[in-house]
Amino acid sequence: MPHANALYGPLDPAPDAGYVDAPPRMGFFTDTSVCIGCKACEVACKEWNLVPESGLDLLGMSYDNTGALTANSWRHVAFVEQPRSTGQEIPAFEGQPDGPSVSPATAAVGARTSSDTGTDPGLPPGSPAAATRMSAGPEFLGMPGAQPPGRGSGAQGRTDFRWLMMSDVCKHCTHAACLDVCPTGSLFRTEFGTVVVQEDICNGCGYCISACPYGVIDQRKGDGRAWKCTLCYDRLGAGMTPACAQACPTESIQYGPLEELRERAAARVETLHERGVPEARLYGEDPNDGVGGDAAFFLLLDEPEVYGLPPDPIVTTRDLPAMWKRAGLAAMTMAAVTVVAFLGRRP
């Protein structure tokens, strides 16, 4: 196991995997508060990576036509329609306890007296201007170009439900259990710290599927091999932004050096708290969590379970070293007992 010696605590996975002078670890910060559910990321991912079509049949009454991350859906835009009876009671905007439950800027956008949402797609990764703007805005949360979900009044802002949207993806874990169990070396750690499947040497054993704490990896029907997001490894090597982040019109998906993204995300959460959104929280950014932190982490507006994410993910192979040790000791004990019994039977 390449990182069995460091299953807990911070780790830079590329140097640990043997890369000398590795570049900064790259990743995704997905800000769900500005996701509009357009699915541009899904389409861009499929087009660039030649992922087969999927989700052509709507799932019941939901706009979520892909349903989950699969071998044919490396990006999945989740739609969560949350009735107010089960949703959170959202307070009035800070500083206006008797006023509307949105900021003045958001109210202006909702009233269509302003069209400035603070977004400008297509900026290069790591742009200081983008970091500054995203730490301060944009204002709208989860609905296209209008008020935060369930926070307005009248036709432009119903209060009986709210939409929560999130573009999910492989987390590219710091301590990736899928790497531990792959018997062929099909799964490998890149110099950017990401995890990639080499489908040409995958034997379809499926061990990685059960090892993933997030249920990300899947086998393609009729193929049998494992497939998942590569974080556009080919584009990273050419200094390009991954296709999904490049296509995102609201910069909900941001790509760049992981440490920079974590700082930007923390500033964004602080800003949302100041603007009366106390439920905003980060998921997967903590390098001391059960998987050592994720290279793809999220800003959520509710508990992780609401989005279909495990609340406390762990490295599923964390107990393997101790198990092998116990198995070895048991085997040695049985061998010793057998030898003693054999020698005791000799005349």
Foldseek 3Di string as FASTA:
>chain_A
DQPLVDQFFADQQLVSQPDDPFDFAKFKEFEQFQDALPCLLQVLQCVVVVQDDALPDCDPPDPQSRVAAAQRGQKGKDKFKFFLVPDDDFAAWPPCRPDFNFDPVQQCQQVVVDQCQQADAQDAAPDPVVLVSLLQDRGGGHHPRHHAALRGDDPSHHNRIGIGITIDHDQQFQQQLLCVPQPFNQWDADSSSGIAGNQVRFPLPCPSQVQGLWNNWYADPPRSGIHHDRLPVVQVVVVHHRRSCNRDRGNSIHMDRLVSVVVSQVSNQVNVVNGRQPQWDKAQQQCRAQRRGTSYIYTGSHQVVSVVGDNGGHRSCSCVVVVVVVVVVVVVVVVVVVVVVVVVPDD
